[in-house]
C-alpha atoms as a PDB file:
ATOM      1  CA  MET A   1       0.000   0.000   0.000  1.00  0.00           C
ATOM      2  CA  ILE A   2       1.306   3.455  -0.937  1.00  0.00           C
ATOM      3  CA  LYS A   3       1.892   5.770   2.029  1.00  0.00           C
ATOM      4  CA  SER A   4       3.498   9.156   2.549  1.00  0.00           C
ATOM      5  CA  ILE A   5       5.760  10.744   5.153  1.00  0.00           C
ATOM      6  CA  GLU A   6       6.926  14.256   5.834  1.00  0.00           C
ATOM      7  CA  SER A   7      10.132  14.662   7.812  1.00  0.00           C
ATOM      8  CA  THR A   8      12.072  17.647   9.089  1.00  0.00           C
ATOM      9  CA  ILE A   9      15.655  17.216  10.258  1.00  0.00           C
ATOM     10  CA  TRP A  10      17.462  19.807  12.379  1.00  0.00           C
ATOM     11  CA  GLY A  11      21.166  20.000  13.037  1.00  0.00           C
ATOM     12  CA  LYS A  12      24.204  22.236  13.220  1.00  0.00           C
ATOM     13  CA  SER A  13      26.236  20.994  10.273  1.00  0.00           C
ATOM     14  CA  LEU A  14      23.717  19.646   7.812  1.00  0.00           C
ATOM     15  CA  ASN A  15      25.113  19.956   4.314  1.00  0.00           C
ATOM     16  CA  HIS A  16      24.606  18.915   0.725  1.00  0.00           C
ATOM     17  CA  LYS A  17      26.341  15.565   1.342  1.00  0.00           C
ATOM     18  CA  TYR A  18      23.542  14.647   3.729  1.00  0.00           C
ATOM     19  CA  VAL A  19      20.906  15.719   1.186  1.00  0.00           C
ATOM     20  CA  LEU A  20      22.634  13.576  -1.451  1.00  0.00           C
ATOM     21  CA  TRP A  21      22.705  10.636   0.994  1.00  0.00           C
ATOM     22  CA  VAL A  22      18.942  11.054   1.571  1.00  0.00           C
ATOM     23  CA  TYR A  23      18.354  11.208  -2.186  1.00  0.00           C
ATOM     24  CA  ASN A  24      20.428   8.068  -2.850  1.00  0.00           C
ATOM     25  CA  ASN A  25      18.613   6.082  -0.170  1.00  0.00           C
ATOM     26  CA  ALA A  26      15.192   7.235  -1.388  1.00  0.00           C
ATOM     27  CA  THR A  27      15.891   6.336  -5.004  1.00  0.00           C
ATOM     28  CA  ARG A  28      17.274   2.907  -4.023  1.00  0.00           C
ATOM     29  CA  LEU A  29      13.998   2.251  -2.226  1.00  0.00           C
ATOM     30  CA  GLU A  30      11.985   3.446  -5.243  1.00  0.00           C
ATOM     31  CA  LEU A  31      10.415   6.296  -3.287  1.00  0.00           C
ATOM     32  CA  LYS A  32       8.978   9.384  -4.924  1.00  0.00           C
ATOM     33  CA  GLY A  33       9.222  12.805  -3.364  1.00  0.00           C
ATOM     34  CA  ILE A  34      11.557  15.671  -2.653  1.00  0.00           C
ATOM     35  CA  VAL A  35      14.293  16.766  -0.262  1.00  0.00           C
ATOM     36  CA  PHE A  36      15.341  20.369   0.275  1.00  0.00           C
ATOM     37  CA  PHE A  37      16.833  22.858   2.725  1.00  0.00           C
ATOM     38  CA  LYS A  38      14.326  25.083   4.461  1.00  0.00           C
ATOM     39  CA  ASN A  39      15.160  28.749   5.026  1.00  0.00           C
ATOM     40  CA  ASP A  40      15.970  28.009   8.683  1.00  0.00           C
ATOM     41  CA  GLY A  41      18.721  25.549   7.640  1.00  0.00           C
ATOM     42  CA  SER A  42      16.772  22.392   8.454  1.00  0.00           C
ATOM     43  CA  ILE A  43      16.077  19.738   5.840  1.00  0.00           C
ATOM     44  CA  LYS A  44      12.595  18.746   4.773  1.00  0.00           C
ATOM     45  CA  ILE A  45      11.759  15.430   3.139  1.00  0.00           C
ATOM     46  CA  ILE A  46       8.480  14.417   1.573  1.00  0.00           C
ATOM     47  CA  ALA A  47       8.446  10.793   0.443  1.00  0.00           C
ATOM     48  CA  GLU A  48       5.809   8.472  -0.966  1.00  0.00           C
ATOM     49  CA  GLY A  49       6.062   4.772  -1.627  1.00  0.00           C
ATOM     50  CA  GLU A  50       5.337   1.314  -0.346  1.00  0.00           C
ATOM     51  CA  GLU A  51       4.917   1.315   3.428  1.00  0.00           C
ATOM     52  CA  LYS A  52       7.686  -1.273   3.978  1.00  0.00           C
ATOM     53  CA  ASN A  53      10.122   0.889   1.964  1.00  0.00           C
ATOM     54  CA  LEU A  54       9.144   4.011   3.905  1.00  0.00           C
ATOM     55  CA  LEU A  55       9.675   2.183   7.206  1.00  0.00           C
ATOM     56  CA  PHE A  56      13.163   1.145   6.073  1.00  0.00           C
ATOM     57  CA  PHE A  57      13.853   4.707   4.862  1.00  0.00           C
ATOM     58  CA  ILE A  58      12.837   6.110   8.270  1.00  0.00           C
ATOM     59  CA  LYS A  59      15.168   3.637   9.966  1.00  0.00           C
ATOM     60  CA  LYS A  60      17.998   4.809   7.697  1.00  0.00           C
ATOM     61  CA  LEU A  61      17.249   8.448   8.549  1.00  0.00           C
ATOM     62  CA  GLN A  62      17.256   7.615  12.270  1.00  0.00           C
ATOM     63  CA  CYS A  63      20.511   5.662  12.083  1.00  0.00           C
ATOM     64  CA  GLY A  64      22.360   7.854   9.575  1.00  0.00           C
ATOM     65  CA  ARG A  65      24.130   9.861  12.222  1.00  0.00           C
ATOM     66  CA  TYR A  66      25.654   6.692  13.696  1.00  0.00           C
ATOM     67  CA  PHE A  67      26.956   5.309  10.400  1.00  0.00           C
ATOM     68  CA  PHE A  68      28.316   8.569   9.018  1.00  0.00           C
ATOM     69  CA  PRO A  69      30.281  10.808  11.400  1.00  0.00           C
ATOM     70  CA  ILE A  70      29.754  13.816   9.104  1.00  0.00           C
ATOM     71  CA  PHE A  71      26.080  13.636  10.073  1.00  0.00           C
ATOM     72  CA  SER A  72      26.738  13.535  13.803  1.00  0.00           C
ATOM     73  CA  GLN A  73      25.419  17.061  14.230  1.00  0.00           C
ATOM     74  CA  ILE A  74      21.802  15.965  13.707  1.00  0.00           C
ATOM     75  CA  GLU A  75      19.974  17.191  16.769  1.00  0.00           C
ATOM     76  CA  ASN A  76      16.375  16.226  16.106  1.00  0.00           C
ATOM     77  CA  PHE A  77      13.990  15.071  13.463  1.00  0.00           C
ATOM     78  CA  SER A  78      10.283  14.551  13.063  1.00  0.00           C
ATOM     79  CA  ILE A  79       8.284  12.088  11.002  1.00  0.00           C
ATOM     80  CA  VAL A  80       4.610  12.594  10.213  1.00  0.00           C
ATOM     81  CA  TRP A  81       2.582  10.024   8.271  1.00  0.00           C
ATOM     82  CA  GLN A  82       0.208  11.547   5.718  1.00  0.00           C
ATOM     83  CA  THR A  83      -2.221  10.548   3.020  1.00  0.00           C
ATOM     84  CA  PRO A  84      -0.281  10.253  -0.250  1.00  0.00           C
ATOM     85  CA  LYS A  85      -1.028  12.958  -2.811  1.00  0.00           C
ATOM     86  CA  HIS A  86       0.649  11.151  -5.740  1.00  0.00           C
ATOM     87  CA  GLU A  87       2.187  14.451  -6.861  1.00  0.00           C
ATOM     88  CA  PHE A  88       5.722  13.201  -7.567  1.00  0.00           C
ATOM     89  CA  GLU A  89       7.026  11.240 -10.550  1.00  0.00           C
ATOM     90  CA  ASN A  90      10.420  10.523  -8.966  1.00  0.00           C
ATOM     91  CA  PHE A  91      12.597  11.603  -6.042  1.00  0.00           C
ATOM     92  CA  SER A  92      14.431  14.899  -6.442  1.00  0.00           C
ATOM     93  CA  ILE A  93      16.611  17.442  -4.706  1.00  0.00           C
ATOM     94  CA  SER A  94      15.311  21.001  -4.838  1.00  0.00           C
ATOM     95  CA  GLU A  95      16.322  24.479  -3.792  1.00  0.00           C
ATOM     96  CA  ALA A  96      14.880  25.892  -0.560  1.00  0.00           C
ATOM     97  CA  LEU A  97      11.099  25.926  -0.773  1.00  0.00           C
ATOM     98  CA  GLU A  98      10.058  27.127   2.681  1.00  0.00           C
END
């Protein structure tokens, strides 16, 4: 069943390498959506896909700071499950949208 999540990640040293890591994991899991920096420096992710793939993706987001020292500055993140809108054709990286 197709589901959707919205996640915001806060941290001191979030950079484009982390965004690329998110993108690579999402595309490997065949998720559709977007990742971008918000104006406040946090990262927002909207992802849609099979529930089992989203659950694995969330686990990767939660564990990323332990596997990659460059991400150790992640301070907090939120995950909210939503009704999918089917508005994405693929997963992409975008410029700041909020």
